[in-house]
């Protein structure tokens, strides 16, 4: 997943004390209306776990990881028909019986769920649970809930889920779409408080921070490595790019792209001297780390703008004048931005 940061950024709107009081009241109104309802998930058949994308993806990752499979007591072999995923045979150390991929998946699920039961994340269903299940295919119910975030008692209709990931121990937001989040908030602020479009972006950033703070107050740790979380944070990156642009005196002839995959990136960040594109790896990195990389690469863009880059490899090695300047200036910019936006260190 890639997120292209806005190329041309608007100047910040100055806020009077009267406006700030109104904004504070609006934020209190919006955040105060948010409710969180728990939802405990039950898988009454092992196939229902396979239908869950989170579990299915994790199991596929495990089955493609030789070291992990070996640690769980598994070996796999190619059949005569080839090495395609569906043609492999699997054997577990507890039994000499060969299994196809689907039988192996069911066995692996039972191993995983056994661990989660011991960790207190799930409970195995029994006959007393008054639910139809087969003893050959046991079911489980979660002991750690998912949550639904909503504003049921107001004209504002915020509605998204916080799903618990038992593999990481984190929650991740799901369902934060522009049409069901940003647009309803914009309409609510316009209808209730007369907020105009040019005021909305800054106020929306404050509201998103308020939502993150509320989630944190509930004791929930978010996994930010997904597209839904990005929508709670992306304007922070926008703001930083605009801040850095002003600090360095840059024009609009550049772009910044966040890459959540990283397969095409050899380093954490890069700057293309030909098309003035900055690409930064965002996967598994905190916001402060991401903005430091952005600042570093935009300093290189400044050097290119001023005719100080030629594209020689020596310019990019550690200790070169260009790298030393990028490191020093990036640190200065991040510190200055952090003083004006201390909440960035909570992301």
Protein backbone atom coordinates (compact mmCIF):
# COMPACT_ATOMS: atom_id res chain seq x y z
CA UNK A 1 0.00 0.00 0.00
CA UNK A 2 1.31 3.42 -0.91
CA UNK A 3 0.03 6.77 0.26
CA UNK A 4 0.90 9.80 -1.87
CA UNK A 5 1.26 12.88 0.32
CA UNK A 6 -0.29 16.06 -1.07
CA UNK A 7 2.15 17.70 -3.43
CA UNK A 8 0.95 21.26 -3.01
CA UNK A 9 0.26 22.14 0.60
CA UNK A 10 -1.85 25.00 1.88
CA UNK A 11 -0.47 27.60 4.25
CA UNK A 12 -1.62 27.12 7.83
CA UNK A 13 -4.59 29.20 8.90
CA UNK A 14 -3.89 31.35 11.91
CA UNK A 15 -6.33 30.75 14.77
CA UNK A 16 -7.58 33.49 17.07
CA UNK A 17 -8.32 32.85 20.75
CA UNK A 18 -12.03 32.95 19.96
CA UNK A 19 -11.63 30.38 17.19
CA UNK A 20 -9.53 28.16 19.43
CA UNK A 21 -12.24 28.19 22.12
CA UNK A 22 -14.79 27.19 19.50
CA UNK A 23 -12.51 24.41 18.24
CA UNK A 24 -11.94 23.17 21.80
CA UNK A 25 -15.69 23.05 22.35
CA UNK A 26 -16.26 21.19 19.06
CA UNK A 27 -13.57 18.62 19.84
CA UNK A 28 -15.04 18.06 23.31
CA UNK A 29 -18.47 17.62 21.72
CA UNK A 30 -17.27 15.09 19.14
CA UNK A 31 -14.96 13.07 21.36
CA UNK A 32 -17.41 13.09 24.27
CA UNK A 33 -20.09 11.47 22.10
CA UNK A 34 -17.95 8.44 21.23
CA UNK A 35 -18.92 5.11 22.76
CA UNK A 36 -17.07 1.81 22.77
CA UNK A 37 -18.99 -1.49 22.89
CA UNK A 38 -17.21 -4.83 23.36
CA UNK A 39 -17.88 -7.77 21.07
CA UNK A 40 -16.66 -11.28 21.89
CA UNK A 41 -16.02 -13.42 18.83
CA UNK A 42 -17.02 -17.09 18.70
CA UNK A 43 -15.71 -19.54 16.12
CA UNK A 44 -18.06 -22.51 16.43
CA UNK A 45 -16.25 -24.47 13.73
CA UNK A 46 -12.62 -24.62 12.70
CA UNK A 47 -13.61 -23.62 9.14
CA UNK A 48 -14.83 -20.27 10.48
CA UNK A 49 -11.28 -19.50 11.56
CA UNK A 50 -10.07 -20.28 8.04
CA UNK A 51 -12.70 -17.82 6.76
CA UNK A 52 -11.23 -15.06 8.96
CA UNK A 53 -8.75 -13.09 6.81
CA UNK A 54 -6.51 -12.28 9.79
CA UNK A 55 -6.12 -15.93 10.79
CA UNK A 56 -5.94 -17.13 7.19
CA UNK A 57 -3.11 -14.71 6.34
CA UNK A 58 -1.16 -15.57 9.50
CA UNK A 59 -1.50 -19.31 8.85
CA UNK A 60 -0.32 -18.86 5.25
CA UNK A 61 2.70 -16.91 6.54
CA UNK A 62 3.48 -19.70 9.02
CA UNK A 63 3.18 -22.42 6.36
CA UNK A 64 5.55 -20.50 4.09
CA UNK A 65 8.12 -20.05 6.88
CA UNK A 66 10.35 -23.14 7.13
CA UNK A 67 11.84 -22.13 10.49
CA UNK A 68 8.44 -21.50 12.07
CA UNK A 69 6.99 -24.74 10.70
CA UNK A 70 9.98 -26.70 11.98
CA UNK A 71 9.64 -25.17 15.45
CA UNK A 72 6.01 -26.35 15.48
CA UNK A 73 7.05 -29.90 14.59
CA UNK A 74 6.21 -29.85 10.88
CA UNK A 75 7.94 -31.08 7.75
CA UNK A 76 6.69 -30.64 4.21
CA UNK A 77 7.46 -32.47 0.99
CA UNK A 78 6.92 -31.94 -2.69
CA UNK A 79 4.60 -34.37 -4.45
CA UNK A 80 5.31 -35.87 -7.85
CA UNK A 81 3.06 -33.27 -9.43
CA UNK A 82 5.32 -30.43 -8.35
CA UNK A 83 6.00 -27.86 -5.61
CA UNK A 84 2.82 -25.79 -5.93
CA UNK A 85 1.34 -24.75 -2.59
CA UNK A 86 -1.67 -27.08 -2.95
CA UNK A 87 0.50 -30.03 -4.04
CA UNK A 88 2.67 -30.17 -0.91
CA UNK A 89 2.38 -32.94 1.68
CA UNK A 90 2.80 -32.24 5.39
CA UNK A 91 3.80 -34.47 8.29
CA UNK A 92 3.68 -33.57 11.98
CA UNK A 93 6.05 -35.16 14.47
CA UNK A 94 3.10 -36.39 16.52
CA UNK A 95 1.85 -38.65 13.70
CA UNK A 96 3.37 -40.39 10.65
CA UNK A 97 0.24 -39.65 8.63
CA UNK A 98 0.78 -37.48 5.57
CA UNK A 99 -1.63 -34.56 5.21
CA UNK A 100 -2.60 -32.31 2.34
CA UNK A 101 -2.52 -28.54 2.78
CA UNK A 102 -6.09 -28.26 4.10
CA UNK A 103 -5.72 -31.03 6.69
CA UNK A 104 -2.42 -29.46 7.75
CA UNK A 105 -4.09 -26.05 8.12
CA UNK A 106 -6.70 -27.51 10.48
CA UNK A 107 -3.98 -29.14 12.59
CA UNK A 108 -1.98 -25.90 12.69
CA UNK A 109 -5.09 -23.99 13.80
CA UNK A 110 -5.56 -26.42 16.67
CA UNK A 111 -1.91 -25.87 17.69
CA UNK A 112 -2.27 -22.07 17.52
CA UNK A 113 -5.56 -22.02 19.42
CA UNK A 114 -4.11 -24.29 22.10
CA UNK A 115 -1.41 -21.66 22.70
CA UNK A 116 -3.98 -18.85 22.76
CA UNK A 117 -6.06 -20.78 25.31
CA UNK A 118 -3.02 -21.10 27.57
CA UNK A 119 -2.35 -17.37 27.15
CA UNK A 120 -5.91 -16.52 28.20
CA UNK A 121 -6.92 -15.09 24.84
CA UNK A 122 -9.53 -17.74 23.96
CA UNK A 123 -11.58 -20.46 25.64
CA UNK A 124 -12.47 -23.75 23.97
CA UNK A 125 -16.18 -24.39 23.63
CA UNK A 126 -17.84 -27.22 25.53
CA UNK A 127 -21.26 -28.87 25.35
CA UNK A 128 -22.50 -26.51 28.06
CA UNK A 129 -22.07 -23.52 25.74
CA UNK A 130 -25.40 -24.39 24.07
CA UNK A 131 -23.93 -24.09 20.61
CA UNK A 132 -23.82 -26.75 17.93
CA UNK A 133 -20.31 -27.99 17.36
CA UNK A 134 -18.51 -31.20 16.54
CA UNK A 135 -15.96 -32.75 18.86
CA UNK A 136 -13.86 -33.49 15.79
CA UNK A 137 -13.78 -29.80 14.95
CA UNK A 138 -13.70 -27.85 18.22
CA UNK A 139 -14.76 -24.23 18.53
CA UNK A 140 -13.43 -21.31 20.53
CA UNK A 141 -14.68 -18.02 21.93
CA UNK A 142 -12.55 -14.96 22.59
CA UNK A 143 -11.79 -13.77 26.10
CA UNK A 144 -10.36 -10.47 24.82
CA UNK A 145 -13.07 -8.51 22.96
CA UNK A 146 -13.12 -6.56 19.76
CA UNK A 147 -14.77 -3.13 20.05
CA UNK A 148 -17.20 -1.10 18.00
CA UNK A 149 -16.55 2.65 18.09
CA UNK A 150 -19.62 4.77 17.37
CA UNK A 151 -21.52 7.97 18.17
CA UNK A 152 -25.08 6.62 18.55
CA UNK A 153 -26.71 9.59 20.30
CA UNK A 154 -25.73 12.43 17.97
CA UNK A 155 -26.27 13.55 14.39
CA UNK A 156 -22.60 12.68 13.83
CA UNK A 157 -22.28 9.11 12.59
CA UNK A 158 -18.78 7.82 13.32
CA UNK A 159 -18.70 4.03 13.15
CA UNK A 160 -15.67 1.74 12.89
CA UNK A 161 -14.27 -1.33 14.61
CA UNK A 162 -11.20 -2.04 16.69
CA UNK A 163 -10.23 -5.63 15.97
CA UNK A 164 -7.92 -7.53 18.32
CA UNK A 165 -5.00 -9.39 16.76
CA UNK A 166 -4.02 -12.26 19.10
CA UNK A 167 -0.78 -12.82 17.17
CA UNK A 168 0.58 -9.33 17.86
CA UNK A 169 -1.43 -8.47 20.98
CA UNK A 170 -2.46 -5.15 19.36
CA UNK A 171 -5.76 -3.75 18.14
CA UNK A 172 -6.13 -2.35 14.69
CA UNK A 173 -8.87 -0.05 13.38
CA UNK A 174 -11.04 -1.39 10.60
CA UNK A 175 -13.58 0.34 8.40
CA UNK A 176 -12.36 3.95 8.60
CA UNK A 177 -13.33 5.03 5.11
CA UNK A 178 -13.52 8.56 3.74
CA UNK A 179 -17.23 8.12 2.99
CA UNK A 180 -18.05 6.84 6.48
CA UNK A 181 -15.64 8.97 8.52
CA UNK A 182 -14.22 12.15 6.99
CA UNK A 183 -17.28 13.16 4.97
CA UNK A 184 -19.81 12.68 7.84
CA UNK A 185 -17.52 14.65 10.18
CA UNK A 186 -17.23 17.45 7.62
CA UNK A 187 -21.02 17.60 7.13
CA UNK A 188 -21.64 17.56 10.89
CA UNK A 189 -19.19 20.41 11.53
CA UNK A 190 -20.66 22.45 8.69
CA UNK A 191 -24.30 21.93 9.73
CA UNK A 192 -23.81 22.24 13.50
CA UNK A 193 -21.04 24.84 13.76
CA UNK A 194 -20.74 26.49 10.35
CA UNK A 195 -17.18 25.22 9.83
CA UNK A 196 -15.99 26.07 6.33
CA UNK A 197 -13.83 23.87 4.11
CA UNK A 198 -10.69 25.94 4.68
CA UNK A 199 -11.02 25.45 8.44
CA UNK A 200 -11.90 21.77 8.30
CA UNK A 201 -8.49 20.14 7.72
CA UNK A 202 -6.86 21.63 10.80
CA UNK A 203 -9.89 20.90 12.98
CA UNK A 204 -10.15 17.37 11.57
CA UNK A 205 -6.52 16.74 12.56
CA UNK A 206 -7.36 17.80 16.12
CA UNK A 207 -10.42 15.51 16.15
CA UNK A 208 -8.41 12.53 14.96
CA UNK A 209 -5.85 13.15 17.67
CA UNK A 210 -8.70 13.34 20.18
CA UNK A 211 -9.97 9.95 18.97
CA UNK A 212 -6.48 8.45 19.29
CA UNK A 213 -6.18 9.89 22.80
CA UNK A 214 -9.57 8.45 23.78
CA UNK A 215 -8.56 5.01 22.50
CA UNK A 216 -5.33 5.29 24.46
CA UNK A 217 -7.26 6.26 27.60
CA UNK A 218 -9.26 3.05 27.20
CA UNK A 219 -5.98 1.15 27.53
CA UNK A 220 -5.95 -0.01 23.91
CA UNK A 221 -2.68 -0.22 22.00
CA UNK A 222 -3.14 0.28 18.28
CA UNK A 223 -1.20 -1.47 15.55
CA UNK A 224 -0.62 1.34 13.06
CA UNK A 225 0.50 -0.93 10.23
CA UNK A 226 -2.69 -0.96 8.17
CA UNK A 227 -4.61 1.34 5.85
CA UNK A 228 -7.33 2.12 8.41
CA UNK A 229 -4.81 3.35 11.02
CA UNK A 230 -3.18 5.51 8.36
CA UNK A 231 -6.43 7.45 8.09
CA UNK A 232 -6.14 8.36 11.76
CA UNK A 233 -2.58 9.65 11.25
CA UNK A 234 -1.96 10.72 7.66
CA UNK A 235 -2.63 14.44 8.15
CA UNK A 236 0.18 14.49 10.72
CA UNK A 237 2.50 13.48 7.88
CA UNK A 238 0.87 16.07 5.61
CA UNK A 239 1.46 18.75 8.25
CA UNK A 240 5.10 17.73 8.63
CA UNK A 241 5.73 17.79 4.87
CA UNK A 242 4.24 21.30 4.73
CA UNK A 243 6.32 22.35 7.75
CA UNK A 244 9.54 21.01 6.19
CA UNK A 245 8.71 22.62 2.86
CA UNK A 246 8.49 26.01 4.57
CA UNK A 247 11.62 25.42 6.68
CA UNK A 248 13.71 24.56 3.63
CA UNK A 249 12.11 27.06 1.27
CA UNK A 250 11.06 24.38 -1.24
CA UNK A 251 8.78 24.81 -4.21
CA UNK A 252 5.98 22.47 -5.22
CA UNK A 253 8.05 20.36 -7.65
CA UNK A 254 8.36 17.28 -5.42
CA UNK A 255 6.26 14.44 -4.07
CA UNK A 256 6.43 12.26 -0.97
CA UNK A 257 5.23 8.68 -1.07
CA UNK A 258 4.79 6.37 1.93
CA UNK A 259 5.33 2.70 1.10
CA UNK A 260 3.79 0.12 3.41
CA UNK A 261 5.28 -2.81 1.50
CA UNK A 262 8.94 -2.01 1.01
CA UNK A 263 9.77 -4.75 -1.50
CA UNK A 264 10.99 -2.15 -3.99
CA UNK A 265 12.92 -0.12 -1.40
CA UNK A 266 16.50 -1.08 -0.62
CA UNK A 267 16.69 1.37 2.31
CA UNK A 268 14.27 3.00 4.73
CA UNK A 269 13.97 6.01 2.43
CA UNK A 270 15.17 7.27 -0.94
CA UNK A 271 15.22 10.40 -3.07
CA UNK A 272 15.10 10.25 -6.87
CA UNK A 273 17.14 13.14 -8.27
CA UNK A 274 15.44 12.80 -11.67
CA UNK A 275 11.75 13.03 -10.74
CA UNK A 276 12.12 14.70 -7.30
CA UNK A 277 10.23 11.87 -5.61
CA UNK A 278 10.83 10.94 -1.97
CA UNK A 279 9.84 7.39 -1.02
CA UNK A 280 9.76 6.35 2.62
CA UNK A 281 9.07 2.95 4.15
CA UNK A 282 6.26 3.27 6.70
CA UNK A 283 5.71 -0.38 7.66
CA UNK A 284 6.52 -1.20 11.30
CA UNK A 285 7.92 2.31 11.92
CA UNK A 286 6.77 4.98 14.35
CA UNK A 287 5.62 8.40 13.15
CA UNK A 288 8.76 10.16 14.56
CA UNK A 289 10.98 7.75 12.59
CA UNK A 290 8.96 8.29 9.42
CA UNK A 291 9.08 12.09 9.58
CA UNK A 292 12.83 12.04 10.27
CA UNK A 293 13.33 10.04 7.08
CA UNK A 294 11.10 12.46 5.16
CA UNK A 295 13.08 15.44 6.44
CA UNK A 296 16.39 13.78 5.55
CA UNK A 297 15.31 13.11 1.96
CA UNK A 298 13.78 16.57 1.53
CA UNK A 299 17.11 18.09 2.55
CA UNK A 300 18.57 16.15 -0.37
CA UNK A 301 15.85 17.66 -2.55
CA UNK A 302 16.92 21.09 -1.30
CA UNK A 303 20.52 20.26 -2.18
CA UNK A 304 19.37 19.21 -5.64
CA UNK A 305 17.31 22.39 -5.99
CA UNK A 306 20.41 24.44 -5.12
CA UNK A 307 22.61 22.54 -7.59
CA UNK A 308 24.62 20.75 -4.90
CA UNK A 309 23.83 17.21 -6.09
CA UNK A 310 25.20 15.54 -9.20
CA UNK A 311 23.95 12.01 -8.62
CA UNK A 312 27.39 10.54 -7.89
CA UNK A 313 27.38 7.52 -5.55
CA UNK A 314 29.94 9.20 -3.28
CA UNK A 315 27.38 11.84 -2.35
CA UNK A 316 25.22 9.19 -0.68
CA UNK A 317 27.86 7.42 1.42
CA UNK A 318 28.04 7.90 5.19
CA UNK A 319 30.19 10.86 6.14
CA UNK A 320 29.82 12.73 2.86
CA UNK A 321 29.08 16.48 3.14
CA UNK A 322 25.63 15.92 1.64
CA UNK A 323 24.75 13.13 4.10
CA UNK A 324 26.13 15.03 7.08
CA UNK A 325 24.05 18.08 6.19
CA UNK A 326 20.92 15.94 5.64
CA UNK A 327 21.34 14.22 9.02
CA UNK A 328 21.97 17.45 10.92
CA UNK A 329 19.24 19.51 9.23
CA UNK A 330 16.67 16.71 9.48
CA UNK A 331 17.29 16.42 13.22
CA UNK A 332 16.87 20.18 13.60
CA UNK A 333 13.59 20.21 11.66
CA UNK A 334 12.13 17.25 13.59
CA UNK A 335 13.03 18.84 16.94
CA UNK A 336 11.43 22.14 15.93
CA UNK A 337 8.30 20.40 14.67
CA UNK A 338 8.18 18.35 17.89
CA UNK A 339 8.32 21.48 20.05
CA UNK A 340 5.32 22.91 18.18
CA UNK A 341 3.50 19.54 17.98
CA UNK A 342 4.54 17.53 21.06
CA UNK A 343 1.71 15.05 20.50
CA UNK A 344 3.66 13.58 17.56
CA UNK A 345 5.73 11.58 20.04
CA UNK A 346 2.59 9.85 21.30
CA UNK A 347 1.79 8.38 17.88
